Amino acid sequence: MTYVYAVIGLYLVMSCTAFIAFWLDKRKASKGQWRTPEKTLLLLCALFGWPGGLLAMRFVRHKTRKRKFTIGVPLIAGLHLAFWIGLAGWWFNDYFTS
């Protein structure tokens, strides 16, 4: 059960990090300052921060016109969800057939 809490904590920390990174990038864009590279924002989403990335896209309205983000972030989310659903299915199958 400790692993579950660790994974939830990881998602929370990385989601907050991604949300803040999107928000800061939006702020810097409006001021004409140096921007966060798109690869960095996508990497944060891939490294367990996709919930924060999706929330930032929705509420900060940042990167909503870029196809790389409108397709990439939901795709990353889908891959994460598919992994966890597959892992849960494997675990339940193994647990109930043993």
N, C-alpha and C. Protein backbone atom coordinates (compact mmCIF):
# COMPACT_ATOMS: atom_id res chain seq x y z
N MET A 1 0.82 -1.20 0.00
CA MET A 1 0.00 0.00 0.00
C MET A 1 0.86 1.26 0.00
N THR A 2 2.07 1.14 0.50
CA THR A 2 2.96 2.30 0.52
C THR A 2 3.30 2.76 -0.89
N TYR A 3 3.37 1.81 -1.83
CA TYR A 3 3.66 2.15 -3.22
C TYR A 3 2.56 3.02 -3.81
N VAL A 4 1.34 2.74 -3.42
CA VAL A 4 0.20 3.52 -3.93
C VAL A 4 0.33 4.96 -3.48
N TYR A 5 0.66 5.16 -2.21
CA TYR A 5 0.83 6.52 -1.70
C TYR A 5 2.01 7.23 -2.35
N ALA A 6 3.06 6.49 -2.61
CA ALA A 6 4.24 7.07 -3.28
C ALA A 6 3.89 7.51 -4.70
N VAL A 7 3.14 6.69 -5.42
CA VAL A 7 2.75 7.04 -6.79
C VAL A 7 1.81 8.24 -6.79
N ILE A 8 0.86 8.26 -5.87
CA ILE A 8 -0.06 9.40 -5.77
C ILE A 8 0.71 10.67 -5.44
N GLY A 9 1.66 10.56 -4.51
CA GLY A 9 2.50 11.71 -4.17
C GLY A 9 3.32 12.19 -5.35
N LEU A 10 3.85 11.25 -6.12
CA LEU A 10 4.63 11.60 -7.31
C LEU A 10 3.77 12.34 -8.32
N TYR A 11 2.56 11.83 -8.56
CA TYR A 11 1.65 12.51 -9.48
C TYR A 11 1.30 13.91 -8.98
N LEU A 12 1.07 14.06 -7.68
CA LEU A 12 0.72 15.38 -7.13
C LEU A 12 1.87 16.37 -7.29
N VAL A 13 3.06 15.94 -6.92
CA VAL A 13 4.23 16.84 -7.00
C VAL A 13 4.52 17.22 -8.45
N MET A 14 4.52 16.23 -9.34
CA MET A 14 4.83 16.52 -10.73
C MET A 14 3.72 17.32 -11.42
N SER A 15 2.48 17.09 -11.01
CA SER A 15 1.37 17.86 -11.58
C SER A 15 1.48 19.33 -11.18
N CYS A 16 1.80 19.57 -9.91
CA CYS A 16 1.99 20.96 -9.46
C CYS A 16 3.16 21.61 -10.19
N THR A 17 4.23 20.85 -10.36
CA THR A 17 5.40 21.36 -11.07
C THR A 17 5.05 21.70 -12.52
N ALA A 18 4.34 20.82 -13.19
CA ALA A 18 3.95 21.07 -14.58
C ALA A 18 3.01 22.27 -14.68
N PHE A 19 2.03 22.35 -13.77
CA PHE A 19 1.09 23.47 -13.80
C PHE A 19 1.84 24.79 -13.63
N ILE A 20 2.74 24.84 -12.67
CA ILE A 20 3.51 26.07 -12.43
C ILE A 20 4.39 26.40 -13.63
N ALA A 21 5.00 25.38 -14.24
CA ALA A 21 5.85 25.61 -15.42
C ALA A 21 5.03 26.18 -16.58
N PHE A 22 3.83 25.63 -16.82
CA PHE A 22 2.94 26.16 -17.87
C PHE A 22 2.55 27.60 -17.54
N TRP A 23 2.19 27.85 -16.29
CA TRP A 23 1.75 29.18 -15.88
C TRP A 23 2.87 30.20 -16.03
N LEU A 24 4.09 29.83 -15.58
CA LEU A 24 5.22 30.75 -15.72
C LEU A 24 5.56 31.01 -17.18
N ASP A 25 5.47 29.98 -18.01
CA ASP A 25 5.73 30.16 -19.44
C ASP A 25 4.71 31.10 -20.06
N LYS A 26 3.47 30.98 -19.68
CA LYS A 26 2.42 31.87 -20.18
C LYS A 26 2.71 33.32 -19.75
N ARG A 27 3.11 33.47 -18.50
CA ARG A 27 3.42 34.80 -17.97
C ARG A 27 4.62 35.42 -18.71
N LYS A 28 5.64 34.60 -18.92
CA LYS A 28 6.82 35.10 -19.63
C LYS A 28 6.50 35.43 -21.08
N ALA A 29 5.61 34.66 -21.69
CA ALA A 29 5.22 34.92 -23.08
C ALA A 29 4.53 36.27 -23.20
N SER A 30 3.68 36.59 -22.24
CA SER A 30 2.97 37.87 -22.30
C SER A 30 3.89 39.05 -22.04
N LYS A 31 5.01 38.81 -21.36
CA LYS A 31 5.97 39.88 -21.09
C LYS A 31 7.10 39.92 -22.11
N GLY A 32 7.11 38.96 -23.04
CA GLY A 32 8.16 38.93 -24.05
C GLY A 32 9.50 38.47 -23.51
N GLN A 33 9.50 37.71 -22.44
CA GLN A 33 10.74 37.23 -21.83
C GLN A 33 11.12 35.85 -22.36
N TRP A 34 12.26 35.35 -21.86
CA TRP A 34 12.75 34.02 -22.22
C TRP A 34 11.71 32.98 -21.82
N ARG A 35 11.48 32.01 -22.69
CA ARG A 35 10.41 31.02 -22.49
C ARG A 35 10.97 29.66 -22.12
N THR A 36 10.12 28.88 -21.51
CA THR A 36 10.45 27.48 -21.20
C THR A 36 10.34 26.68 -22.51
N PRO A 37 11.35 25.89 -22.84
CA PRO A 37 11.26 25.09 -24.07
C PRO A 37 10.06 24.14 -24.04
N GLU A 38 9.46 23.96 -25.21
CA GLU A 38 8.30 23.06 -25.31
C GLU A 38 8.65 21.64 -24.91
N LYS A 39 9.86 21.21 -25.23
CA LYS A 39 10.30 19.87 -24.85
C LYS A 39 10.25 19.68 -23.34
N THR A 40 10.61 20.73 -22.61
CA THR A 40 10.59 20.65 -21.15
C THR A 40 9.17 20.50 -20.63
N LEU A 41 8.24 21.27 -21.19
CA LEU A 41 6.85 21.17 -20.75
C LEU A 41 6.28 19.78 -21.05
N LEU A 42 6.58 19.26 -22.22
CA LEU A 42 6.10 17.92 -22.57
C LEU A 42 6.77 16.84 -21.72
N LEU A 43 8.04 17.03 -21.41
CA LEU A 43 8.74 16.08 -20.55
C LEU A 43 8.13 16.05 -19.15
N LEU A 44 7.79 17.23 -18.63
CA LEU A 44 7.13 17.28 -17.32
C LEU A 44 5.80 16.53 -17.35
N CYS A 45 5.08 16.67 -18.45
CA CYS A 45 3.81 15.94 -18.59
C CYS A 45 4.06 14.44 -18.65
N ALA A 46 5.09 14.03 -19.37
CA ALA A 46 5.38 12.60 -19.50
C ALA A 46 5.87 12.01 -18.18
N LEU A 47 6.55 12.81 -17.37
CA LEU A 47 7.08 12.33 -16.10
C LEU A 47 6.07 12.55 -14.98
N PHE A 48 4.87 12.03 -15.17
CA PHE A 48 3.81 12.01 -14.17
C PHE A 48 3.13 13.35 -13.94
N GLY A 49 3.41 14.36 -14.75
CA GLY A 49 2.81 15.67 -14.54
C GLY A 49 1.67 16.00 -15.49
N TRP A 50 1.16 15.00 -16.22
CA TRP A 50 0.11 15.28 -17.21
C TRP A 50 -1.16 15.85 -16.60
N PRO A 51 -1.58 15.48 -15.38
CA PRO A 51 -2.80 16.13 -14.86
C PRO A 51 -2.62 17.65 -14.71
N GLY A 52 -1.47 18.06 -14.23
CA GLY A 52 -1.18 19.49 -14.10
C GLY A 52 -1.07 20.18 -15.44
N GLY A 53 -0.50 19.48 -16.42
CA GLY A 53 -0.42 20.04 -17.78
C GLY A 53 -1.79 20.24 -18.39
N LEU A 54 -2.67 19.25 -18.24
CA LEU A 54 -4.03 19.38 -18.76
C LEU A 54 -4.79 20.50 -18.05
N LEU A 55 -4.64 20.58 -16.73
CA LEU A 55 -5.32 21.65 -15.99
C LEU A 55 -4.81 23.03 -16.41
N ALA A 56 -3.50 23.13 -16.61
CA ALA A 56 -2.93 24.42 -17.03
C ALA A 56 -3.41 24.80 -18.42
N MET A 57 -3.48 23.82 -19.31
CA MET A 57 -3.98 24.11 -20.65
C MET A 57 -5.42 24.61 -20.58
N ARG A 58 -6.18 24.06 -19.68
CA ARG A 58 -7.60 24.42 -19.57
C ARG A 58 -7.81 25.77 -18.86
N PHE A 59 -7.16 25.95 -17.72
CA PHE A 59 -7.43 27.12 -16.89
C PHE A 59 -6.49 28.30 -17.14
N VAL A 60 -5.26 28.04 -17.52
CA VAL A 60 -4.33 29.12 -17.84
C VAL A 60 -4.45 29.46 -19.32
N ARG A 61 -5.06 28.55 -20.08
CA ARG A 61 -5.24 28.70 -21.52
C ARG A 61 -3.90 28.90 -22.23
N HIS A 62 -3.00 27.97 -21.93
CA HIS A 62 -1.67 28.04 -22.52
C HIS A 62 -1.41 26.79 -23.35
N LYS A 63 -0.84 26.99 -24.52
CA LYS A 63 -0.50 25.93 -25.46
C LYS A 63 -1.74 25.23 -26.00
N THR A 64 -2.85 25.91 -26.05
CA THR A 64 -4.09 25.30 -26.53
C THR A 64 -4.20 25.32 -28.06
N ARG A 65 -3.37 26.07 -28.73
CA ARG A 65 -3.40 26.11 -30.19
C ARG A 65 -2.32 25.25 -30.83
N LYS A 66 -1.40 24.80 -30.02
CA LYS A 66 -0.29 23.99 -30.53
C LYS A 66 -0.72 22.53 -30.61
N ARG A 67 -0.69 21.99 -31.81
CA ARG A 67 -1.10 20.61 -32.04
C ARG A 67 -0.25 19.64 -31.22
N LYS A 68 1.03 19.99 -31.06
CA LYS A 68 1.94 19.15 -30.29
C LYS A 68 1.40 18.95 -28.86
N PHE A 69 0.72 19.95 -28.34
CA PHE A 69 0.19 19.87 -26.98
C PHE A 69 -1.25 19.37 -26.94
N THR A 70 -2.08 19.81 -27.89
CA THR A 70 -3.48 19.38 -27.87
C THR A 70 -3.63 17.89 -28.16
N ILE A 71 -2.64 17.32 -28.85
CA ILE A 71 -2.64 15.88 -29.10
C ILE A 71 -1.69 15.17 -28.13
N GLY A 72 -0.53 15.77 -27.92
CA GLY A 72 0.51 15.13 -27.12
C GLY A 72 0.17 14.91 -25.66
N VAL A 73 -0.36 15.93 -24.99
CA VAL A 73 -0.66 15.79 -23.56
C VAL A 73 -1.79 14.79 -23.32
N PRO A 74 -2.91 14.85 -24.06
CA PRO A 74 -3.92 13.79 -23.86
C PRO A 74 -3.39 12.39 -24.22
N LEU A 75 -2.50 12.30 -25.21
CA LEU A 75 -1.92 11.02 -25.56
C LEU A 75 -1.06 10.48 -24.40
N ILE A 76 -0.28 11.36 -23.81
CA ILE A 76 0.53 10.98 -22.64
C ILE A 76 -0.39 10.51 -21.52
N ALA A 77 -1.47 11.25 -21.29
CA ALA A 77 -2.43 10.86 -20.25
C ALA A 77 -3.02 9.49 -20.55
N GLY A 78 -3.40 9.25 -21.79
CA GLY A 78 -3.96 7.96 -22.18
C GLY A 78 -2.99 6.82 -21.98
N LEU A 79 -1.72 7.06 -22.29
CA LEU A 79 -0.70 6.02 -22.08
C LEU A 79 -0.53 5.71 -20.60
N HIS A 80 -0.51 6.75 -19.78
CA HIS A 80 -0.41 6.54 -18.34
C HIS A 80 -1.60 5.75 -17.82
N LEU A 81 -2.80 6.15 -18.23
CA LEU A 81 -4.00 5.46 -17.77
C LEU A 81 -4.04 4.02 -18.26
N ALA A 82 -3.64 3.79 -19.49
CA ALA A 82 -3.61 2.42 -20.03
C ALA A 82 -2.63 1.56 -19.24
N PHE A 83 -1.50 2.13 -18.89
CA PHE A 83 -0.52 1.39 -18.09
C PHE A 83 -1.11 0.99 -16.74
N TRP A 84 -1.73 1.95 -16.05
CA TRP A 84 -2.28 1.66 -14.71
C TRP A 84 -3.45 0.70 -14.78
N ILE A 85 -4.28 0.82 -15.80
CA ILE A 85 -5.40 -0.12 -15.96
C ILE A 85 -4.87 -1.51 -16.26
N GLY A 86 -3.87 -1.60 -17.11
CA GLY A 86 -3.26 -2.89 -17.41
C GLY A 86 -2.60 -3.51 -16.18
N LEU A 87 -1.90 -2.70 -15.41
CA LEU A 87 -1.26 -3.18 -14.19
C LEU A 87 -2.31 -3.66 -13.19
N ALA A 88 -3.39 -2.90 -13.04
CA ALA A 88 -4.46 -3.30 -12.12
C ALA A 88 -5.11 -4.60 -12.59
N GLY A 89 -5.33 -4.74 -13.88
CA GLY A 89 -5.92 -5.96 -14.42
C GLY A 89 -5.02 -7.16 -14.18
N TRP A 90 -3.73 -6.98 -14.39
CA TRP A 90 -2.78 -8.05 -14.15
C TRP A 90 -2.76 -8.43 -12.67
N TRP A 91 -2.74 -7.41 -11.81
CA TRP A 91 -2.70 -7.66 -10.37
C TRP A 91 -3.95 -8.38 -9.90
N PHE A 92 -5.13 -7.91 -10.33
CA PHE A 92 -6.37 -8.55 -9.91
C PHE A 92 -6.44 -9.99 -10.44
N ASN A 93 -6.03 -10.18 -11.67
CA ASN A 93 -6.05 -11.51 -12.25
C ASN A 93 -5.11 -12.44 -11.47
N ASP A 94 -3.93 -11.96 -11.18
CA ASP A 94 -2.97 -12.75 -10.43
C ASP A 94 -3.45 -13.00 -9.00
N TYR A 95 -4.06 -12.00 -8.41
CA TYR A 95 -4.51 -12.09 -7.02
C TYR A 95 -5.66 -13.09 -6.88
N PHE A 96 -6.60 -13.06 -7.81
CA PHE A 96 -7.78 -13.91 -7.68
C PHE A 96 -7.60 -15.31 -8.25
N THR A 97 -6.56 -15.53 -9.06
CA THR A 97 -6.37 -16.87 -9.61
C THR A 97 -5.31 -17.65 -8.84
N SER A 98 -4.64 -17.03 -7.89
CA SER A 98 -3.60 -17.73 -7.12
C SER A 98 -4.19 -18.58 -6.02
